[in-house]
């Protein structure tokens, strides 16, 4: 029987609830737009903005998701070692094969600047990639 640290579990659940509330607000907002009869072109319009933060709560990247495009903008200089870069490439390549996403990684010398994903057609795919990128950025800066 594994003992679970209840404080950590509580923190995890609270943050999950908060992020789901935000997601719910976003969908309710989109629904209200559609119900009002005003259908904007989604491109360049309200998508979602999320943040990847490190353990100290500093923002490592901003994510702009206006389906089917997700753009990860790295805020500070993050240099990826070869092993982290290949881990990142593996994640993106496997999603390219499995789910037909397309991606570009923009570098500034050895620093990662931006990752742009195209053809991200579901929240599941988006969240899977986001989680992978988050893990790599956290480790690369941790």
N, C-alpha and C. Protein backbone atom coordinates (compact mmCIF):
# COMPACT_ATOMS: atom_id res chain seq x y z
N UNK A 1 0.87 -1.20 0.00
CA UNK A 1 0.00 0.00 0.00
C UNK A 1 0.89 1.24 0.00
N UNK A 2 0.71 2.09 -0.99
CA UNK A 2 1.52 3.31 -1.06
C UNK A 2 0.89 4.39 -0.19
N UNK A 3 1.73 5.09 0.56
CA UNK A 3 1.17 6.21 1.32
C UNK A 3 1.29 7.45 0.44
N UNK A 4 0.21 8.19 0.37
CA UNK A 4 0.21 9.39 -0.46
C UNK A 4 0.28 10.59 0.46
N UNK A 5 1.16 11.51 0.13
CA UNK A 5 1.25 12.74 0.89
C UNK A 5 -0.02 13.55 0.63
N UNK A 6 -0.88 13.67 1.65
CA UNK A 6 -2.19 14.30 1.43
C UNK A 6 -2.06 15.77 1.06
N UNK A 7 -1.03 16.46 1.58
CA UNK A 7 -0.84 17.87 1.21
C UNK A 7 -0.56 18.01 -0.27
N UNK A 8 0.32 17.14 -0.78
CA UNK A 8 0.64 17.20 -2.21
C UNK A 8 -0.57 16.86 -3.06
N UNK A 9 -1.31 15.85 -2.63
CA UNK A 9 -2.51 15.45 -3.36
C UNK A 9 -3.52 16.59 -3.36
N UNK A 10 -3.68 17.23 -2.21
CA UNK A 10 -4.61 18.35 -2.09
C UNK A 10 -4.20 19.49 -3.04
N UNK A 11 -2.89 19.82 -3.03
CA UNK A 11 -2.38 20.87 -3.92
C UNK A 11 -2.64 20.53 -5.37
N UNK A 12 -2.36 19.26 -5.73
CA UNK A 12 -2.56 18.81 -7.10
C UNK A 12 -4.03 18.97 -7.49
N UNK A 13 -4.93 18.49 -6.63
CA UNK A 13 -6.36 18.55 -6.94
C UNK A 13 -6.85 19.99 -7.03
N UNK A 14 -6.39 20.84 -6.12
CA UNK A 14 -6.79 22.25 -6.17
C UNK A 14 -6.34 22.90 -7.47
N UNK A 15 -5.10 22.60 -7.89
CA UNK A 15 -4.62 23.24 -9.12
C UNK A 15 -5.34 22.67 -10.34
N UNK A 16 -5.67 21.38 -10.29
CA UNK A 16 -6.43 20.76 -11.38
C UNK A 16 -7.81 21.40 -11.48
N UNK A 17 -8.47 21.58 -10.36
CA UNK A 17 -9.80 22.20 -10.34
C UNK A 17 -9.73 23.61 -10.90
N UNK A 18 -8.71 24.37 -10.48
CA UNK A 18 -8.53 25.74 -10.97
C UNK A 18 -8.37 25.74 -12.49
N UNK A 19 -7.52 24.83 -12.99
CA UNK A 19 -7.30 24.86 -14.45
C UNK A 19 -8.53 24.38 -15.21
N UNK A 20 -9.27 23.44 -14.63
CA UNK A 20 -10.52 23.01 -15.29
C UNK A 20 -11.56 24.12 -15.28
N UNK A 21 -11.60 24.89 -14.18
CA UNK A 21 -12.52 26.03 -14.14
C UNK A 21 -12.20 27.03 -15.25
N UNK A 22 -10.89 27.30 -15.43
CA UNK A 22 -10.46 28.21 -16.48
C UNK A 22 -10.88 27.68 -17.85
N UNK A 23 -10.69 26.38 -18.03
CA UNK A 23 -11.05 25.76 -19.30
C UNK A 23 -12.56 25.87 -19.52
N UNK A 24 -13.32 25.60 -18.47
CA UNK A 24 -14.77 25.70 -18.53
C UNK A 24 -15.20 27.13 -18.89
N UNK A 25 -14.58 28.12 -18.25
CA UNK A 25 -14.89 29.52 -18.56
C UNK A 25 -14.63 29.82 -20.04
N UNK A 26 -13.52 29.28 -20.53
CA UNK A 26 -13.16 29.50 -21.92
C UNK A 26 -14.24 28.92 -22.86
N UNK A 27 -14.69 27.68 -22.56
CA UNK A 27 -15.73 27.07 -23.40
C UNK A 27 -17.06 27.79 -23.27
N UNK A 28 -17.39 28.23 -22.06
CA UNK A 28 -18.63 28.99 -21.88
C UNK A 28 -18.57 30.30 -22.65
N UNK A 29 -17.39 30.92 -22.64
CA UNK A 29 -17.18 32.15 -23.39
C UNK A 29 -17.40 31.90 -24.88
N UNK A 30 -16.79 30.82 -25.41
CA UNK A 30 -16.97 30.50 -26.84
C UNK A 30 -18.44 30.23 -27.15
N UNK A 31 -19.09 29.48 -26.26
CA UNK A 31 -20.51 29.18 -26.46
C UNK A 31 -21.33 30.46 -26.49
N UNK A 32 -21.04 31.39 -25.59
CA UNK A 32 -21.80 32.64 -25.55
C UNK A 32 -21.61 33.44 -26.84
N UNK A 33 -20.39 33.39 -27.39
CA UNK A 33 -20.15 34.08 -28.66
C UNK A 33 -21.01 33.47 -29.76
N UNK A 34 -21.01 32.13 -29.81
CA UNK A 34 -21.78 31.43 -30.85
C UNK A 34 -23.27 31.70 -30.68
N UNK A 35 -23.74 31.63 -29.42
CA UNK A 35 -25.17 31.87 -29.15
C UNK A 35 -25.59 33.29 -29.48
N UNK A 36 -24.65 34.24 -29.36
CA UNK A 36 -24.99 35.63 -29.66
C UNK A 36 -25.09 35.86 -31.17
N UNK A 37 -24.75 34.81 -31.94
CA UNK A 37 -24.85 34.93 -33.38
C UNK A 37 -23.62 35.58 -34.00
N UNK A 38 -22.67 35.94 -33.16
CA UNK A 38 -21.46 36.57 -33.67
C UNK A 38 -20.39 35.50 -33.79
N UNK A 39 -20.09 35.11 -35.02
CA UNK A 39 -19.08 34.08 -35.22
C UNK A 39 -17.82 34.75 -35.75
N UNK A 40 -16.85 34.96 -34.89
CA UNK A 40 -15.63 35.58 -35.38
C UNK A 40 -14.79 34.52 -36.10
N UNK A 41 -13.87 34.97 -36.92
CA UNK A 41 -12.92 33.99 -37.42
C UNK A 41 -12.00 33.72 -36.25
N UNK A 42 -11.86 32.48 -35.88
CA UNK A 42 -11.12 32.15 -34.68
C UNK A 42 -9.65 32.57 -34.79
N UNK A 43 -9.09 32.51 -36.01
CA UNK A 43 -7.68 32.89 -36.18
C UNK A 43 -7.42 34.28 -35.63
N UNK A 44 -6.41 34.38 -34.79
CA UNK A 44 -6.04 35.69 -34.25
C UNK A 44 -7.06 36.20 -33.26
N UNK A 45 -8.10 35.43 -33.01
CA UNK A 45 -9.07 35.87 -32.03
C UNK A 45 -8.86 35.11 -30.75
N UNK A 46 -9.81 35.21 -29.85
CA UNK A 46 -9.62 34.61 -28.54
C UNK A 46 -9.37 33.12 -28.61
N UNK A 47 -8.16 32.75 -28.26
CA UNK A 47 -7.87 31.34 -28.06
C UNK A 47 -7.63 31.24 -26.57
N UNK A 48 -6.80 30.31 -26.18
CA UNK A 48 -6.45 30.26 -24.77
C UNK A 48 -4.98 30.60 -24.62
N UNK A 49 -4.65 31.20 -23.50
CA UNK A 49 -3.26 31.45 -23.18
C UNK A 49 -2.98 30.70 -21.90
N UNK A 50 -1.95 29.87 -21.94
CA UNK A 50 -1.56 29.15 -20.74
C UNK A 50 -0.09 29.41 -20.51
N UNK A 51 0.37 29.02 -19.34
CA UNK A 51 1.77 29.24 -19.01
C UNK A 51 2.41 27.95 -18.53
N UNK A 52 3.67 27.77 -18.89
CA UNK A 52 4.45 26.70 -18.30
C UNK A 52 5.35 27.38 -17.29
N UNK A 53 5.24 26.94 -16.04
CA UNK A 53 6.03 27.55 -14.98
C UNK A 53 6.97 26.52 -14.38
N UNK A 54 8.05 27.02 -13.78
CA UNK A 54 8.94 26.11 -13.08
C UNK A 54 8.47 25.94 -11.64
N UNK A 55 9.23 25.18 -10.87
CA UNK A 55 8.83 24.90 -9.48
C UNK A 55 8.70 26.18 -8.64
N UNK A 56 9.48 27.21 -9.00
CA UNK A 56 9.42 28.47 -8.24
C UNK A 56 8.26 29.35 -8.69
N UNK A 57 7.53 28.90 -9.72
CA UNK A 57 6.40 29.69 -10.20
C UNK A 57 6.79 30.71 -11.25
N UNK A 58 8.05 30.68 -11.71
CA UNK A 58 8.45 31.60 -12.78
C UNK A 58 7.98 31.05 -14.11
N UNK A 59 7.54 31.97 -14.98
CA UNK A 59 7.03 31.54 -16.29
C UNK A 59 8.18 31.17 -17.22
N UNK A 60 8.16 29.94 -17.71
CA UNK A 60 9.17 29.48 -18.67
C UNK A 60 8.69 29.72 -20.09
N UNK A 61 7.38 29.54 -20.31
CA UNK A 61 6.84 29.69 -21.66
C UNK A 61 5.38 30.11 -21.59
N UNK A 62 4.96 30.81 -22.64
CA UNK A 62 3.54 31.13 -22.81
C UNK A 62 3.05 30.27 -23.95
N UNK A 63 1.85 29.74 -23.82
CA UNK A 63 1.28 28.92 -24.88
C UNK A 63 0.02 29.59 -25.40
N UNK A 64 0.02 29.88 -26.69
CA UNK A 64 -1.16 30.45 -27.33
C UNK A 64 -1.78 29.33 -28.15
N UNK A 65 -2.99 28.95 -27.79
CA UNK A 65 -3.64 27.84 -28.50
C UNK A 65 -4.92 28.34 -29.16
N UNK A 66 -4.85 28.52 -30.46
CA UNK A 66 -6.04 28.83 -31.23
C UNK A 66 -6.14 27.70 -32.24
N UNK A 67 -6.90 26.66 -31.88
CA UNK A 67 -6.93 25.44 -32.69
C UNK A 67 -7.10 25.76 -34.16
N UNK A 68 -6.38 25.06 -35.04
CA UNK A 68 -5.50 23.91 -34.76
C UNK A 68 -4.04 24.29 -34.53
N UNK A 69 -3.75 25.56 -34.17
CA UNK A 69 -2.36 25.97 -34.00
C UNK A 69 -2.05 26.24 -32.53
N UNK A 70 -0.94 25.69 -32.07
CA UNK A 70 -0.47 25.97 -30.71
C UNK A 70 0.94 26.52 -30.83
N UNK A 71 1.16 27.63 -30.13
CA UNK A 71 2.47 28.29 -30.22
C UNK A 71 3.05 28.41 -28.82
N UNK A 72 4.21 27.79 -28.61
CA UNK A 72 4.90 27.85 -27.32
C UNK A 72 6.00 28.90 -27.45
N UNK A 73 5.88 29.99 -26.71
CA UNK A 73 6.87 31.06 -26.78
C UNK A 73 7.71 31.02 -25.50
N UNK A 74 9.00 30.74 -25.66
CA UNK A 74 9.89 30.61 -24.52
C UNK A 74 10.26 32.00 -24.01
N UNK A 75 10.10 32.23 -22.71
CA UNK A 75 10.26 33.58 -22.16
C UNK A 75 11.71 33.95 -21.88
N UNK A 76 12.49 33.05 -21.33
CA UNK A 76 13.88 33.36 -21.04
C UNK A 76 14.77 32.48 -21.89
N UNK A 77 16.07 32.72 -21.79
CA UNK A 77 16.99 31.87 -22.54
C UNK A 77 16.96 30.47 -21.95
N UNK A 78 16.58 29.50 -22.76
CA UNK A 78 16.66 28.11 -22.32
C UNK A 78 17.49 27.36 -23.34
N UNK A 79 18.63 26.86 -22.88
CA UNK A 79 19.49 26.08 -23.74
C UNK A 79 19.20 24.61 -23.49
N UNK A 80 18.87 23.90 -24.56
CA UNK A 80 18.59 22.48 -24.41
C UNK A 80 19.84 21.67 -24.73
N UNK A 81 20.20 20.78 -23.82
CA UNK A 81 21.30 19.87 -24.10
C UNK A 81 20.84 18.92 -25.22
N UNK A 82 21.79 18.20 -25.79
CA UNK A 82 21.44 17.26 -26.87
C UNK A 82 20.38 16.26 -26.43
N UNK A 83 20.51 15.76 -25.19
CA UNK A 83 19.56 14.74 -24.74
C UNK A 83 18.14 15.32 -24.57
N UNK A 84 18.05 16.55 -24.07
CA UNK A 84 16.72 17.18 -23.95
C UNK A 84 16.15 17.49 -25.33
N UNK A 85 17.03 17.94 -26.22
CA UNK A 85 16.55 18.27 -27.56
C UNK A 85 16.03 17.01 -28.26
N UNK A 86 16.75 15.90 -28.09
CA UNK A 86 16.29 14.69 -28.76
C UNK A 86 15.02 14.16 -28.10
N UNK A 87 14.87 14.37 -26.79
CA UNK A 87 13.62 13.98 -26.12
C UNK A 87 12.45 14.79 -26.67
N UNK A 88 12.69 16.09 -26.85
CA UNK A 88 11.66 16.97 -27.42
C UNK A 88 11.29 16.52 -28.84
N UNK A 89 12.31 16.25 -29.64
CA UNK A 89 12.07 15.80 -31.02
C UNK A 89 11.29 14.48 -31.05
N UNK A 90 11.62 13.58 -30.13
CA UNK A 90 10.92 12.29 -30.07
C UNK A 90 9.43 12.49 -29.81
N UNK A 91 9.11 13.35 -28.84
CA UNK A 91 7.70 13.63 -28.51
C UNK A 91 6.99 14.15 -29.75
N UNK A 92 7.59 15.16 -30.39
CA UNK A 92 6.94 15.81 -31.54
C UNK A 92 6.86 14.86 -32.73
N UNK A 93 7.91 14.09 -32.97
CA UNK A 93 7.90 13.15 -34.09
C UNK A 93 6.83 12.07 -33.90
N UNK A 94 6.69 11.58 -32.67
CA UNK A 94 5.70 10.53 -32.45
C UNK A 94 4.28 11.06 -32.65
N UNK A 95 4.04 12.32 -32.25
CA UNK A 95 2.72 12.92 -32.48
C UNK A 95 2.50 13.19 -33.96
N UNK A 96 3.60 13.47 -34.67
CA UNK A 96 3.49 13.70 -36.11
C UNK A 96 3.03 12.41 -36.80
N UNK A 97 3.62 11.29 -36.37
CA UNK A 97 3.23 10.01 -36.95
C UNK A 97 1.83 9.59 -36.52
N UNK A 98 1.56 9.69 -35.21
CA UNK A 98 0.28 9.22 -34.67
C UNK A 98 -0.89 10.10 -35.08
N UNK A 99 -0.70 11.41 -34.96
CA UNK A 99 -1.84 12.33 -35.08
C UNK A 99 -1.70 13.37 -36.18
N UNK A 100 -0.70 13.18 -37.05
CA UNK A 100 -0.52 14.06 -38.22
C UNK A 100 -0.30 15.53 -37.86
N UNK A 101 0.25 15.79 -36.66
CA UNK A 101 0.56 17.18 -36.37
C UNK A 101 1.80 17.58 -37.18
N UNK A 102 2.02 18.85 -37.29
CA UNK A 102 3.20 19.36 -37.95
C UNK A 102 3.83 20.33 -36.96
N UNK A 103 5.15 20.49 -37.01
CA UNK A 103 5.76 21.38 -36.03
C UNK A 103 7.02 22.04 -36.57
N UNK A 104 7.34 23.19 -35.99
CA UNK A 104 8.63 23.82 -36.25
C UNK A 104 9.20 24.24 -34.89
N UNK A 105 10.52 24.13 -34.78
CA UNK A 105 11.20 24.55 -33.57
C UNK A 105 12.14 25.68 -33.99
N UNK A 106 11.94 26.85 -33.39
CA UNK A 106 12.81 27.98 -33.73
C UNK A 106 13.89 28.14 -32.68
N UNK A 107 15.12 28.22 -33.15
CA UNK A 107 16.25 28.34 -32.24
C UNK A 107 16.94 29.69 -32.46
N UNK A 108 17.64 30.13 -31.41
CA UNK A 108 18.51 31.29 -31.52
C UNK A 108 19.86 30.76 -31.03
N UNK A 109 20.73 30.43 -31.95
CA UNK A 109 21.95 29.67 -31.64
C UNK A 109 21.56 28.37 -30.92
N UNK A 110 21.93 28.23 -29.64
CA UNK A 110 21.56 27.00 -28.92
C UNK A 110 20.32 27.16 -28.04
N UNK A 111 19.75 28.36 -28.05
CA UNK A 111 18.59 28.61 -27.20
C UNK A 111 17.31 28.35 -27.96
N UNK A 112 16.39 27.69 -27.28
CA UNK A 112 15.09 27.43 -27.91
C UNK A 112 14.23 28.68 -27.75
N UNK A 113 13.62 29.15 -28.83
CA UNK A 113 12.82 30.37 -28.79
C UNK A 113 11.32 30.08 -28.83
N UNK A 114 10.96 29.15 -29.73
CA UNK A 114 9.55 28.98 -30.03
C UNK A 114 9.31 27.60 -30.62
N UNK A 115 8.18 27.01 -30.25
CA UNK A 115 7.75 25.75 -30.87
C UNK A 115 6.36 26.01 -31.40
N UNK A 116 6.16 25.80 -32.69
CA UNK A 116 4.85 26.01 -33.28
C UNK A 116 4.31 24.67 -33.74
N UNK A 117 3.10 24.34 -33.29
CA UNK A 117 2.46 23.08 -33.67
C UNK A 117 1.28 23.41 -34.56
N UNK A 118 1.13 22.63 -35.63
CA UNK A 118 -0.04 22.80 -36.50
C UNK A 118 -0.82 21.48 -36.55
N UNK A 119 -2.09 21.58 -36.93
CA UNK A 119 -2.97 20.40 -37.01
C UNK A 119 -3.21 19.75 -35.65
N UNK A 120 -3.23 20.57 -34.60
CA UNK A 120 -3.56 20.02 -33.28
C UNK A 120 -5.07 20.06 -33.17
N UNK A 121 -5.70 18.89 -33.39
CA UNK A 121 -7.15 18.88 -33.53
C UNK A 121 -7.92 18.40 -32.32
N UNK A 122 -7.22 18.17 -31.22
CA UNK A 122 -7.97 17.81 -30.01
C UNK A 122 -7.23 18.26 -28.77
N UNK A 123 -7.99 18.48 -27.71
CA UNK A 123 -7.41 18.88 -26.43
C UNK A 123 -6.50 17.79 -25.89
N UNK A 124 -6.85 16.54 -26.19
CA UNK A 124 -6.05 15.43 -25.68
C UNK A 124 -4.64 15.49 -26.26
N UNK A 125 -4.55 15.69 -27.58
CA UNK A 125 -3.25 15.77 -28.24
C UNK A 125 -2.49 17.00 -27.70
N UNK A 126 -3.19 18.12 -27.62
CA UNK A 126 -2.59 19.36 -27.11
C UNK A 126 -2.02 19.15 -25.71
N UNK A 127 -2.83 18.58 -24.83
CA UNK A 127 -2.39 18.39 -23.44
C UNK A 127 -1.24 17.41 -23.32
N UNK A 128 -1.26 16.38 -24.17
CA UNK A 128 -0.18 15.39 -24.15
C UNK A 128 1.14 16.06 -24.53
N UNK A 129 1.11 16.85 -25.60
CA UNK A 129 2.33 17.53 -26.06
C UNK A 129 2.77 18.57 -25.03
N UNK A 130 1.80 19.34 -24.52
CA UNK A 130 2.11 20.37 -23.54
C UNK A 130 2.81 19.77 -22.32
N UNK A 131 2.29 18.65 -21.84
CA UNK A 131 2.87 17.98 -20.67
C UNK A 131 4.31 17.55 -20.95
N UNK A 132 4.53 17.02 -22.15
CA UNK A 132 5.88 16.60 -22.53
C UNK A 132 6.84 17.77 -22.60
N UNK A 133 6.41 18.84 -23.25
CA UNK A 133 7.27 20.03 -23.39
C UNK A 133 7.54 20.62 -22.01
N UNK A 134 6.51 20.66 -21.17
CA UNK A 134 6.66 21.20 -19.82
C UNK A 134 7.72 20.42 -19.04
N UNK A 135 7.66 19.10 -19.12
CA UNK A 135 8.62 18.26 -18.38
C UNK A 135 10.04 18.56 -18.84
N UNK A 136 10.22 18.71 -20.14
CA UNK A 136 11.56 18.98 -20.69
C UNK A 136 12.05 20.36 -20.26
N UNK A 137 11.20 21.38 -20.38
CA UNK A 137 11.61 22.73 -20.01
C UNK A 137 11.94 22.82 -18.52
N UNK A 138 11.12 22.15 -17.69
CA UNK A 138 11.37 22.17 -16.24
C UNK A 138 12.73 21.56 -15.94
N UNK A 139 13.01 20.41 -16.56
CA UNK A 139 14.28 19.73 -16.28
C UNK A 139 15.47 20.52 -16.83
N UNK A 140 15.26 21.12 -18.01
CA UNK A 140 16.36 21.87 -18.64
C UNK A 140 16.72 23.11 -17.83
N UNK A 141 15.75 23.65 -17.08
CA UNK A 141 16.02 24.87 -16.30
C UNK A 141 16.18 24.57 -14.82
N UNK A 142 15.87 23.33 -14.43
CA UNK A 142 15.89 22.98 -13.01
C UNK A 142 17.22 22.68 -12.56
